[in-house]
């Protein structure tokens, strides 16, 4: 797991709050974006983490403001995603 992970997207430097790496092949497994409790988790917040994933191609994305949490599974080949009812444990990823 790494915090404040830098990446380059369209020539601009960006920073992911947290990236969880797969321990077997060191590929990104989850990107997590944290917001303050006062920030509503909107489409704009979700779009931010989706842009990061254009570079990292992690199969799971999590967004949280500490009160509400969303997790989705992403098919990086098709770009399709589905929201999960719970955040899976690492061993179930």
N, C-alpha and C. Protein backbone atom coordinates (compact mmCIF):
# COMPACT_ATOMS: atom_id res chain seq x y z
N UNK A 1 0.86 -1.16 0.00
CA UNK A 1 0.00 0.00 0.00
C UNK A 1 0.90 1.23 0.00
N UNK A 2 0.51 2.24 -0.76
CA UNK A 2 1.29 3.47 -0.82
C UNK A 2 0.33 4.67 -0.77
N UNK A 3 0.73 5.71 -0.09
CA UNK A 3 -0.06 6.94 0.00
C UNK A 3 0.58 8.03 -0.84
N UNK A 4 -0.27 8.92 -1.34
CA UNK A 4 0.20 10.07 -2.12
C UNK A 4 1.02 9.61 -3.33
N UNK A 5 0.47 8.71 -4.11
CA UNK A 5 1.15 8.14 -5.27
C UNK A 5 1.05 9.11 -6.46
N UNK A 6 2.19 9.52 -6.99
CA UNK A 6 2.22 10.45 -8.12
C UNK A 6 2.03 9.71 -9.43
N UNK A 7 1.35 10.37 -10.35
CA UNK A 7 1.19 9.84 -11.69
C UNK A 7 1.06 11.02 -12.65
N UNK A 8 1.25 10.73 -13.93
CA UNK A 8 1.13 11.76 -14.95
C UNK A 8 -0.05 11.43 -15.85
N UNK A 9 -0.92 12.40 -16.03
CA UNK A 9 -2.12 12.22 -16.85
C UNK A 9 -2.25 13.42 -17.77
N UNK A 10 -2.21 13.18 -19.05
CA UNK A 10 -2.30 14.25 -20.05
C UNK A 10 -1.27 15.35 -19.82
N UNK A 11 -0.06 14.94 -19.46
CA UNK A 11 1.03 15.89 -19.25
C UNK A 11 0.99 16.62 -17.92
N UNK A 12 0.02 16.31 -17.06
CA UNK A 12 -0.10 16.96 -15.76
C UNK A 12 0.20 15.97 -14.64
N UNK A 13 0.87 16.44 -13.60
CA UNK A 13 1.15 15.60 -12.44
C UNK A 13 -0.10 15.54 -11.57
N UNK A 14 -0.48 14.36 -11.16
CA UNK A 14 -1.63 14.12 -10.28
C UNK A 14 -1.15 13.26 -9.11
N UNK A 15 -2.03 13.13 -8.09
CA UNK A 15 -1.66 12.36 -6.92
C UNK A 15 -2.87 11.57 -6.42
N UNK A 16 -2.70 10.26 -6.33
CA UNK A 16 -3.73 9.39 -5.74
C UNK A 16 -3.52 9.38 -4.23
N UNK A 17 -4.61 9.39 -3.49
CA UNK A 17 -4.48 9.34 -2.04
C UNK A 17 -3.84 8.03 -1.58
N UNK A 18 -4.40 6.90 -2.02
CA UNK A 18 -3.85 5.59 -1.65
C UNK A 18 -3.98 4.63 -2.82
N UNK A 19 -2.95 3.83 -3.01
CA UNK A 19 -3.00 2.72 -3.98
C UNK A 19 -2.62 1.46 -3.23
N UNK A 20 -3.45 0.44 -3.36
CA UNK A 20 -3.14 -0.89 -2.81
C UNK A 20 -2.63 -1.72 -3.97
N UNK A 21 -1.47 -2.33 -3.77
CA UNK A 21 -0.81 -3.11 -4.82
C UNK A 21 -1.04 -4.59 -4.59
N UNK A 22 -1.15 -5.34 -5.67
CA UNK A 22 -1.24 -6.79 -5.60
C UNK A 22 0.12 -7.32 -5.16
N UNK A 23 0.16 -8.12 -4.13
CA UNK A 23 1.45 -8.59 -3.59
C UNK A 23 2.14 -9.63 -4.48
N UNK A 24 1.41 -10.22 -5.42
CA UNK A 24 2.04 -11.24 -6.26
C UNK A 24 2.71 -10.69 -7.52
N UNK A 25 2.13 -9.64 -8.11
CA UNK A 25 2.73 -9.10 -9.34
C UNK A 25 2.95 -7.59 -9.30
N UNK A 26 2.76 -6.97 -8.15
CA UNK A 26 3.02 -5.54 -7.93
C UNK A 26 2.23 -4.64 -8.88
N UNK A 27 1.05 -5.09 -9.32
CA UNK A 27 0.18 -4.24 -10.13
C UNK A 27 -0.83 -3.56 -9.21
N UNK A 28 -1.31 -2.36 -9.59
CA UNK A 28 -2.32 -1.69 -8.78
C UNK A 28 -3.58 -2.55 -8.67
N UNK A 29 -4.10 -2.66 -7.47
CA UNK A 29 -5.29 -3.46 -7.21
C UNK A 29 -6.48 -2.57 -6.86
N UNK A 30 -6.23 -1.55 -6.04
CA UNK A 30 -7.29 -0.63 -5.60
C UNK A 30 -6.73 0.78 -5.58
N UNK A 31 -7.53 1.73 -6.04
CA UNK A 31 -7.22 3.14 -5.84
C UNK A 31 -8.27 3.68 -4.87
N UNK A 32 -7.81 4.42 -3.87
CA UNK A 32 -8.73 4.98 -2.87
C UNK A 32 -8.58 6.50 -2.87
N UNK A 33 -9.71 7.17 -2.93
CA UNK A 33 -9.74 8.63 -2.87
C UNK A 33 -10.51 9.05 -1.62
N UNK A 34 -9.89 9.86 -0.79
CA UNK A 34 -10.51 10.32 0.45
C UNK A 34 -10.95 11.77 0.30
N UNK A 35 -12.09 12.08 0.83
CA UNK A 35 -12.60 13.45 0.88
C UNK A 35 -12.98 13.77 2.33
N UNK A 36 -13.09 15.05 2.62
CA UNK A 36 -13.51 15.48 3.96
C UNK A 36 -14.98 15.10 4.17
N UNK A 37 -15.40 14.91 5.43
CA UNK A 37 -16.80 14.56 5.69
C UNK A 37 -17.80 15.59 5.16
N UNK A 38 -17.37 16.80 4.97
CA UNK A 38 -18.27 17.84 4.47
C UNK A 38 -18.42 17.80 2.95
N UNK A 39 -17.62 16.99 2.28
CA UNK A 39 -17.67 16.90 0.81
C UNK A 39 -18.65 15.81 0.40
N UNK A 40 -19.62 16.21 -0.42
CA UNK A 40 -20.59 15.24 -0.94
C UNK A 40 -19.90 14.41 -2.02
N UNK A 41 -20.11 13.11 -1.97
CA UNK A 41 -19.50 12.21 -2.97
C UNK A 41 -20.36 12.24 -4.22
N UNK A 42 -19.93 13.05 -5.16
CA UNK A 42 -20.69 13.30 -6.38
C UNK A 42 -20.03 12.60 -7.58
N UNK A 43 -20.65 12.76 -8.71
CA UNK A 43 -20.09 12.23 -9.96
C UNK A 43 -18.72 12.85 -10.24
N UNK A 44 -18.55 14.10 -9.88
CA UNK A 44 -17.27 14.79 -10.08
C UNK A 44 -16.14 14.10 -9.30
N UNK A 45 -16.43 13.71 -8.06
CA UNK A 45 -15.43 13.00 -7.24
C UNK A 45 -15.12 11.65 -7.88
N UNK A 46 -16.15 10.95 -8.33
CA UNK A 46 -15.94 9.66 -8.97
C UNK A 46 -15.15 9.82 -10.26
N UNK A 47 -15.45 10.84 -11.04
CA UNK A 47 -14.72 11.08 -12.29
C UNK A 47 -13.23 11.31 -12.03
N UNK A 48 -12.90 11.93 -10.91
CA UNK A 48 -11.50 12.17 -10.55
C UNK A 48 -10.74 10.84 -10.42
N UNK A 49 -11.30 9.91 -9.70
CA UNK A 49 -10.61 8.63 -9.49
C UNK A 49 -10.61 7.80 -10.78
N UNK A 50 -11.63 7.95 -11.61
CA UNK A 50 -11.65 7.26 -12.90
C UNK A 50 -10.52 7.77 -13.79
N UNK A 51 -10.26 9.07 -13.76
CA UNK A 51 -9.14 9.61 -14.55
C UNK A 51 -7.81 9.02 -14.06
N UNK A 52 -7.63 8.91 -12.75
CA UNK A 52 -6.40 8.30 -12.23
C UNK A 52 -6.28 6.86 -12.73
N UNK A 53 -7.42 6.19 -12.81
CA UNK A 53 -7.39 4.80 -13.21
C UNK A 53 -7.10 4.62 -14.70
N UNK A 54 -7.23 5.67 -15.48
CA UNK A 54 -6.84 5.60 -16.90
C UNK A 54 -5.35 5.30 -17.00
N UNK A 55 -4.58 5.70 -15.98
CA UNK A 55 -3.14 5.45 -15.95
C UNK A 55 -2.83 4.15 -15.23
N UNK A 56 -3.42 3.93 -14.05
CA UNK A 56 -3.05 2.80 -13.20
C UNK A 56 -3.76 1.49 -13.56
N UNK A 57 -4.98 1.58 -14.06
CA UNK A 57 -5.75 0.40 -14.47
C UNK A 57 -5.96 -0.61 -13.33
N UNK A 58 -6.39 -0.10 -12.20
CA UNK A 58 -6.73 -0.96 -11.06
C UNK A 58 -8.14 -1.51 -11.23
N UNK A 59 -8.39 -2.75 -10.83
CA UNK A 59 -9.72 -3.32 -10.99
C UNK A 59 -10.75 -2.86 -9.94
N UNK A 60 -10.30 -2.16 -8.88
CA UNK A 60 -11.22 -1.68 -7.86
C UNK A 60 -10.96 -0.21 -7.55
N UNK A 61 -12.03 0.54 -7.35
CA UNK A 61 -11.95 1.94 -6.97
C UNK A 61 -12.80 2.16 -5.73
N UNK A 62 -12.28 2.93 -4.78
CA UNK A 62 -13.01 3.25 -3.56
C UNK A 62 -12.96 4.76 -3.36
N UNK A 63 -14.12 5.34 -3.04
CA UNK A 63 -14.21 6.75 -2.69
C UNK A 63 -14.91 6.83 -1.35
N UNK A 64 -14.35 7.65 -0.43
CA UNK A 64 -14.94 7.78 0.90
C UNK A 64 -14.79 9.20 1.42
N UNK A 65 -15.80 9.66 2.14
CA UNK A 65 -15.67 10.92 2.87
C UNK A 65 -15.69 10.65 4.38
N UNK A 66 -15.44 9.43 4.75
CA UNK A 66 -15.43 9.04 6.15
C UNK A 66 -16.81 8.68 6.69
N UNK A 67 -17.85 9.12 6.00
CA UNK A 67 -19.22 8.83 6.41
C UNK A 67 -19.90 7.90 5.41
N UNK A 68 -19.61 8.12 4.15
CA UNK A 68 -20.17 7.32 3.06
C UNK A 68 -19.02 6.76 2.24
N UNK A 69 -19.15 5.51 1.82
CA UNK A 69 -18.09 4.86 1.06
C UNK A 69 -18.72 4.17 -0.15
N UNK A 70 -18.04 4.29 -1.28
CA UNK A 70 -18.46 3.60 -2.50
C UNK A 70 -17.28 2.79 -3.03
N UNK A 71 -17.59 1.59 -3.47
CA UNK A 71 -16.57 0.73 -4.07
C UNK A 71 -17.13 0.18 -5.36
N UNK A 72 -16.31 0.18 -6.39
CA UNK A 72 -16.76 -0.41 -7.65
C UNK A 72 -15.68 -1.28 -8.24
N UNK A 73 -16.11 -2.22 -9.01
CA UNK A 73 -15.23 -3.12 -9.76
C UNK A 73 -15.19 -2.62 -11.19
N UNK A 74 -14.00 -2.51 -11.75
CA UNK A 74 -13.82 -1.96 -13.08
C UNK A 74 -13.25 -3.03 -14.01
N UNK A 75 -13.85 -3.14 -15.18
CA UNK A 75 -13.28 -3.97 -16.24
C UNK A 75 -12.44 -3.03 -17.09
N UNK A 76 -11.15 -3.07 -16.92
CA UNK A 76 -10.25 -2.13 -17.60
C UNK A 76 -10.22 -2.34 -19.10
N UNK A 77 -10.63 -3.50 -19.58
CA UNK A 77 -10.67 -3.76 -21.02
C UNK A 77 -11.84 -3.03 -21.69
N UNK A 78 -13.01 -3.08 -21.04
CA UNK A 78 -14.22 -2.49 -21.63
C UNK A 78 -14.55 -1.12 -21.07
N UNK A 79 -14.00 -0.78 -19.90
CA UNK A 79 -14.33 0.48 -19.25
C UNK A 79 -15.62 0.41 -18.45
N UNK A 80 -16.24 -0.75 -18.42
CA UNK A 80 -17.49 -0.91 -17.67
C UNK A 80 -17.18 -1.08 -16.19
N UNK A 81 -18.09 -0.62 -15.36
CA UNK A 81 -17.90 -0.76 -13.92
C UNK A 81 -19.23 -1.10 -13.26
N UNK A 82 -19.12 -1.72 -12.09
CA UNK A 82 -20.31 -2.04 -11.31
C UNK A 82 -20.02 -1.74 -9.84
N UNK A 83 -20.98 -1.09 -9.20
CA UNK A 83 -20.81 -0.76 -7.79
C UNK A 83 -21.10 -1.98 -6.94
N UNK A 84 -20.31 -2.16 -5.90
CA UNK A 84 -20.45 -3.28 -4.98
C UNK A 84 -21.22 -2.84 -3.75
N UNK A 85 -21.86 -3.77 -3.08
CA UNK A 85 -22.61 -3.42 -1.88
C UNK A 85 -21.72 -3.29 -0.66
N UNK A 86 -20.50 -3.82 -0.75
CA UNK A 86 -19.54 -3.73 0.37
C UNK A 86 -18.13 -3.72 -0.20
N UNK A 87 -17.20 -3.24 0.60
CA UNK A 87 -15.79 -3.25 0.22
C UNK A 87 -15.26 -4.65 0.51
N UNK A 88 -14.75 -5.34 -0.50
CA UNK A 88 -14.25 -6.71 -0.28
C UNK A 88 -12.98 -6.73 0.56
N UNK A 89 -12.77 -7.84 1.24
CA UNK A 89 -11.53 -8.01 1.98
C UNK A 89 -10.41 -8.25 0.97
N UNK A 90 -9.19 -8.00 1.35
CA UNK A 90 -8.06 -8.17 0.45
C UNK A 90 -8.00 -9.60 -0.09
N UNK A 91 -8.26 -10.58 0.77
CA UNK A 91 -8.18 -11.98 0.33
C UNK A 91 -9.27 -12.33 -0.70
N UNK A 92 -10.35 -11.55 -0.78
CA UNK A 92 -11.40 -11.80 -1.77
C UNK A 92 -11.22 -11.03 -3.07
N UNK A 93 -10.14 -10.28 -3.15
CA UNK A 93 -9.90 -9.54 -4.38
C UNK A 93 -9.21 -10.44 -5.36
